[in-house]
Protein backbone atom coordinates (compact mmCIF):
# COMPACT_ATOMS: atom_id res chain seq x y z
CA MET A 1 112.94 174.76 77.94
CA LYS A 2 111.08 171.97 79.60
CA LYS A 3 113.60 168.92 80.03
CA ILE A 4 112.03 165.40 78.46
CA GLY A 5 114.11 162.55 79.33
CA LYS A 6 115.19 159.78 76.44
CA ASN A 7 112.11 157.36 75.88
CA SER A 8 109.81 159.32 76.82
CA GLU A 9 106.83 160.18 74.75
CA ILE A 10 103.73 162.84 75.36
CA VAL A 11 100.55 161.86 73.04
CA ALA A 12 97.58 164.33 73.95
CA ASN A 13 95.64 166.60 71.97
CA ASN A 14 95.71 169.39 74.57
CA VAL A 15 99.02 170.27 75.73
CA ASP A 16 100.00 172.89 78.50
CA ILE A 17 103.30 172.32 79.95
CA ASP A 18 105.41 174.99 81.75
CA ASP A 19 109.02 175.52 80.52
CA SER A 20 110.11 174.92 83.79
CA VAL A 21 109.01 171.18 84.31
CA ILE A 22 111.27 167.87 83.97
CA ILE A 23 110.08 164.63 82.80
CA GLY A 24 112.59 161.59 83.64
CA ASP A 25 113.19 159.11 80.97
CA ASN A 26 110.81 156.02 79.83
CA VAL A 27 107.94 158.08 80.61
CA GLN A 28 104.69 157.56 78.70
CA ILE A 29 101.67 160.53 78.56
CA ASN A 30 98.50 159.41 77.05
CA CYS A 31 95.90 161.81 77.60
CA GLU A 32 93.51 163.83 75.65
CA ASN A 33 94.23 166.75 77.88
CA ILE A 34 97.41 167.40 79.82
CA LYS A 35 98.73 170.81 82.29
CA LEU A 36 101.75 170.62 84.31
CA GLY A 37 102.43 173.98 86.29
CA LYS A 38 106.10 175.58 86.92
CA PHE A 39 108.63 173.00 88.43
CA CYS A 40 106.60 170.16 88.31
CA LYS A 41 109.25 167.01 88.08
CA ILE A 42 108.26 163.81 87.08
CA GLY A 43 110.49 160.96 87.58
CA ASP A 44 111.88 157.64 85.56
CA ASN A 45 109.22 154.86 84.65
CA VAL A 46 106.49 156.94 84.79
CA GLU A 47 102.93 155.96 83.13
CA ILE A 48 99.97 158.42 83.08
CA SER A 49 96.75 157.34 81.22
CA CYS A 50 93.30 159.02 81.37
CA THR A 51 91.09 161.61 80.01
CA SER A 52 92.68 164.40 81.70
CA PHE A 53 95.33 164.94 84.08
CA GLU A 54 96.50 168.52 85.51
CA ALA A 55 98.72 169.55 88.01
CA ASP A 56 99.63 172.90 89.22
CA ASP A 57 102.95 174.34 90.64
CA TRP A 58 105.73 171.88 92.14
CA LEU A 59 104.42 168.58 92.01
CA PHE A 60 107.18 166.10 92.86
CA MET A 61 106.22 162.56 91.29
CA LEU A 62 108.87 160.19 91.90
CA HIS A 63 109.81 156.78 89.55
CA GLY A 64 107.47 154.23 88.73
CA VAL A 65 104.39 156.04 89.74
CA GLU A 66 101.36 154.77 87.36
CA ILE A 67 98.22 156.67 87.03
CA GLY A 68 95.60 154.73 84.60
CA ARG A 69 94.19 151.26 84.58
CA GLY A 70 91.20 149.93 84.22
CA GLY A 71 88.36 152.20 82.55
CA SER A 72 90.79 155.39 82.61
CA TYR A 73 89.65 156.99 79.36
CA GLY A 74 86.06 157.78 80.08
CA SER A 75 84.60 161.09 80.48
CA ASN A 76 84.70 161.18 84.15
CA SER A 77 88.73 159.76 84.23
CA ASN A 78 90.21 162.83 85.25
CA VAL A 79 92.85 163.79 87.66
CA LYS A 80 93.23 166.80 89.14
CA ILE A 81 96.28 167.81 91.64
CA GLY A 82 97.05 171.18 94.05
CA LYS A 83 100.31 172.96 94.61
CA HIS A 84 103.01 171.54 96.18
CA VAL A 85 102.43 167.99 95.96
CA GLY A 86 104.95 164.76 96.53
CA ILE A 87 103.52 161.49 95.20
CA PHE A 88 106.62 159.16 95.52
CA GLU A 89 107.67 155.71 94.31
CA ASN A 90 105.52 153.11 92.77
CA THR A 91 101.79 154.82 93.61
CA ILE A 92 98.99 153.87 91.38
CA ILE A 93 96.41 156.02 91.09
CA ASN A 94 93.35 154.88 89.27
CA PRO A 95 91.15 157.55 87.44
CA SER A 96 87.80 155.32 86.10
CA GLU A 97 85.97 158.30 88.61
CA PRO A 98 87.53 161.58 88.89
CA VAL A 99 90.77 162.08 91.40
CA GLU A 100 90.86 165.49 93.51
CA ILE A 101 93.93 165.83 95.60
CA GLY A 102 94.45 169.48 97.44
CA ASP A 103 97.40 171.63 98.04
CA ASN A 104 100.34 170.37 99.98
CA CYS A 105 99.48 167.04 100.24
CA GLY A 106 101.94 164.17 100.66
CA ILE A 107 101.20 160.82 99.15
CA GLY A 108 103.90 158.23 100.11
CA ALA A 109 105.44 154.89 98.59
CA ASP A 110 103.57 151.94 97.36
CA VAL A 111 100.02 153.82 98.06
CA MET A 112 97.04 152.93 95.92
CA ILE A 113 94.06 155.02 95.29
CA TRP A 114 90.93 153.01 93.60
CA THR A 115 88.08 154.80 91.83
CA HIS A 116 86.35 151.32 90.83
CA GLY A 117 86.22 147.96 92.33
CA ALA A 118 84.10 145.32 90.43
CA TRP A 119 84.74 141.45 89.26
CA LEU A 120 81.68 138.72 90.56
CA ASP A 121 78.53 139.13 89.12
CA ILE A 122 76.67 141.60 90.20
CA THR A 123 73.35 139.67 89.75
CA GLN A 124 74.55 137.11 91.97
CA GLY A 125 74.51 139.77 94.82
CA PHE A 126 78.36 140.10 94.49
CA PRO A 127 79.56 143.73 95.46
CA ALA A 128 80.47 146.64 92.83
CA ASP A 129 81.91 149.69 93.55
CA PHE A 130 82.35 152.91 91.53
CA GLY A 131 82.95 156.85 92.76
CA PRO A 132 85.68 159.68 92.82
CA VAL A 133 88.26 160.10 95.46
CA LYS A 134 88.57 163.73 96.88
CA MET A 135 91.69 164.48 99.16
CA GLY A 136 91.77 168.36 100.72
CA ASP A 137 94.32 170.44 101.45
CA ASN A 138 97.65 169.53 103.70
CA VAL A 139 96.65 165.75 103.68
CA TRP A 140 99.70 163.24 104.95
CA LEU A 141 98.92 159.38 103.05
CA PRO A 142 101.36 157.48 103.77
CA ALA A 143 103.76 154.47 102.31
CA ARG A 144 101.53 151.39 101.61
CA SER A 145 98.11 153.14 102.45
CA ILE A 146 94.87 152.13 100.42
CA VAL A 147 91.71 154.16 99.63
CA LEU A 148 88.94 152.69 98.17
CA PRO A 149 85.89 154.53 95.79
CA ASN A 150 83.51 157.53 97.27
CA VAL A 151 85.88 158.31 100.08
CA THR A 152 86.45 161.89 100.84
CA ILE A 153 89.49 162.94 102.93
CA GLY A 154 89.25 166.09 104.71
CA ASN A 155 91.84 168.82 105.05
CA ASN A 156 94.60 168.79 107.30
CA VAL A 157 94.53 164.66 108.18
CA VAL A 158 97.64 162.78 108.90
CA ILE A 159 96.61 158.86 107.99
CA GLY A 160 98.67 155.89 109.57
CA ILE A 161 101.08 153.84 107.36
CA ASN A 162 99.04 151.18 106.00
CA SER A 163 96.50 152.06 106.03
CA ILE A 164 92.78 150.97 104.38
CA ILE A 165 90.59 153.76 103.71
CA ASN A 166 87.09 152.96 103.04
CA ARG A 167 85.01 155.38 104.60
CA SER A 168 85.31 159.53 104.23
CA LEU A 169 87.26 161.31 106.96
CA PRO A 170 86.50 164.77 108.57
CA ASP A 171 89.13 167.72 108.39
CA GLY A 172 92.26 168.25 111.08
CA CYS A 173 92.08 164.12 112.33
CA PHE A 174 94.58 161.61 112.77
CA ALA A 175 93.24 158.11 111.31
CA ALA A 176 94.62 154.49 110.94
CA GLY A 177 93.83 151.05 110.62
CA SER A 178 92.51 148.27 108.62
CA PRO A 179 89.87 149.70 108.07
CA CYS A 180 90.51 153.36 108.85
CA LYS A 181 88.89 154.47 111.89
CA VAL A 182 89.68 158.13 113.43
CA ILE A 183 91.73 157.99 116.26
CA LYS A 184 91.76 161.96 117.23
CA GLU A 185 89.64 164.62 116.11
CA ASN A 186 90.74 168.03 115.67
CA VAL A 187 94.28 167.54 116.05
CA TYR A 188 95.40 169.43 113.07
CA PRO A 189 96.33 172.07 112.18
CA LYS A 190 97.72 173.06 115.80
CA GLU A 191 99.67 175.94 117.56
CA VAL A 192 103.52 175.48 118.23
CA SER A 193 105.02 177.97 120.60
CA ASP A 194 107.94 179.86 120.33
CA ASP A 195 109.90 177.35 122.21
CA GLU A 196 109.00 173.98 120.72
CA LEU A 197 109.88 175.66 117.10
CA SER A 198 113.00 177.15 118.24
CA LYS A 199 113.86 173.50 119.44
CA MET A 200 112.94 172.11 116.12
CA VAL A 201 114.31 174.13 114.06
CA ARG A 202 118.00 174.51 115.96
CA GLY A 203 118.19 170.82 116.01
CA ILE A 204 117.36 171.01 112.02
CA LEU A 205 120.25 173.43 111.40
CA ASN A 206 123.10 171.64 113.70
CA ASP A 207 121.99 168.73 111.72
CA TRP A 208 122.59 170.75 108.63
CA ASN A 209 125.48 172.11 109.76
CA ALA A 210 127.27 168.72 109.97
CA LEU A 211 125.92 167.61 106.42
CA ILE A 212 126.93 170.58 104.76
CA GLN A 213 131.04 170.38 105.83
CA TYR A 214 130.61 166.66 104.75
CA LYS A 215 129.53 167.71 101.61
CA LEU A 216 132.26 169.93 101.18
CA ASP A 217 134.93 167.87 102.60
CA GLY A 218 137.95 168.18 100.45
CA PHE A 219 136.82 171.79 98.81
CA ASP A 220 138.15 174.83 99.88
CA PRO A 221 135.58 175.73 102.21
CA PRO A 222 133.56 178.90 102.96
CA ILE A 223 132.96 180.42 106.14
CA ILE A 224 129.15 179.45 106.69
CA SER A 225 126.77 180.05 110.27
CA THR A 226 123.52 179.70 110.82
CA SER A 227 121.35 181.29 113.39
CA TYR A 228 117.91 181.31 114.73
CA TYR A 229 115.59 184.37 115.97
CA LYS A 230 113.10 182.76 118.04
CA LYS A 231 110.62 185.86 118.73
CA GLU A 232 110.72 186.68 114.59
CA ARG A 233 110.86 182.76 113.55
CA LYS A 234 114.05 183.73 110.98
CA ILE A 235 116.86 181.63 109.88
CA LYS A 236 119.82 183.87 109.46
CA LEU A 237 123.02 181.84 106.76
CA ILE A 238 125.80 183.85 106.77
CA LEU A 239 127.83 182.90 104.00
CA ASP A 240 131.64 184.49 103.25
CA GLY A 241 129.84 187.60 105.10
CA GLU A 242 127.38 187.53 103.19
CA GLU A 243 123.53 187.26 104.34
CA THR A 244 120.42 185.16 103.47
CA ILE A 245 117.21 185.40 105.44
CA TYR A 246 114.68 182.26 105.71
CA ASP A 247 111.14 183.77 107.06
CA ILE A 248 109.18 180.81 108.08
CA LYS A 249 106.20 182.94 108.79
CA GLU A 250 106.05 184.57 105.57
CA ARG A 251 107.71 181.58 103.81
CA THR A 252 109.95 184.00 101.85
CA ILE A 253 113.96 183.99 101.28
CA SER A 254 115.92 187.39 100.75
CA GLY A 255 119.86 188.15 100.04
CA ARG A 256 122.46 186.15 98.94
CA ASP A 257 121.87 183.37 96.65
CA SER A 258 124.43 180.33 95.82
CA ASP A 259 124.05 176.42 95.84
CA ILE A 260 124.74 176.70 99.56
CA VAL A 261 121.99 178.75 100.22
CA GLU A 262 119.79 176.60 98.21
CA ASP A 263 120.99 173.34 99.93
CA LEU A 264 119.68 174.79 103.07
CA ARG A 265 116.21 175.26 101.60
CA ASP A 266 115.91 171.57 100.08
CA TYR A 267 116.96 170.46 103.48
CA LEU A 268 114.66 172.32 105.04
CA ARG A 269 111.74 171.08 102.51
CA ARG A 270 113.27 167.71 103.54
CA ARG A 271 112.90 168.24 107.44
CA GLY A 272 109.28 170.18 106.78
CA ILE A 273 109.81 173.56 106.51
CA LYS A 274 108.79 174.88 103.02
CA PHE A 275 110.28 177.49 101.00
CA TYR A 276 108.56 177.71 97.29
CA THR A 277 110.43 180.16 95.18
CA ASP A 278 110.50 181.17 91.52
CA LYS A 279 113.24 178.35 91.07
CA GLY A 280 113.61 174.70 91.30
CA PHE A 281 115.16 173.16 94.43
CA ARG A 282 119.00 172.51 94.32
CA SER A 283 121.27 170.12 96.41
CA ILE A 284 124.90 169.90 96.65
């Protein structure tokens, strides 16, 4: 059963919400059409007001997000979000015109995405701008960035914090500034060597090993060990003699399941190595 928090309300003509969805407290959804895929999670004090809102599996939306504002009930007021997307605290998305967000995108806290900008009299030469916003797959739009109308951000793009994106950006670039400019072209994705990845993964595992001992302090601790196999790009977790394998190449997990196994999966997610399975994340 889907979980809907206190004082939350969904008003829509067409509702398609998976049973694994979690919706927090004080959430107001007012849409003609609402669709939420598997394991979507919406935090507290969120407002979604538009004609159509559609999110694929594993949307992670934190507290205080607002989707709506001026002109958000027109025929073009549609929001479409891909898989594995994070939208963080107090983000504003204005779908006066269509907003499309691809797979594996991260949208940081206090970001604003606008599809319209107008106030003064255009007959006196003042500007007005209306148009869609589209983000490709694998885009990182960090905290306090602002996206203006008629902008397309390509695939595999990283943007610097506090940028104002008023022009379209090509695939694979790093861009930053106010206004945003391309700093480096064709940098993402890039090949990571076995040695480089090994160093990163071993550092993450060392941090998690210390953290899990802290989390379990005061309990009868299980015997835990972790190891990383560089050539295979696999992590092995041994918990009281039973193995769990995290295959980084295939993004699969096999073997024993437990809260500790899921805690490591969640920690790897937070550090940038993501495994999506048929159940929600659990952390101790």
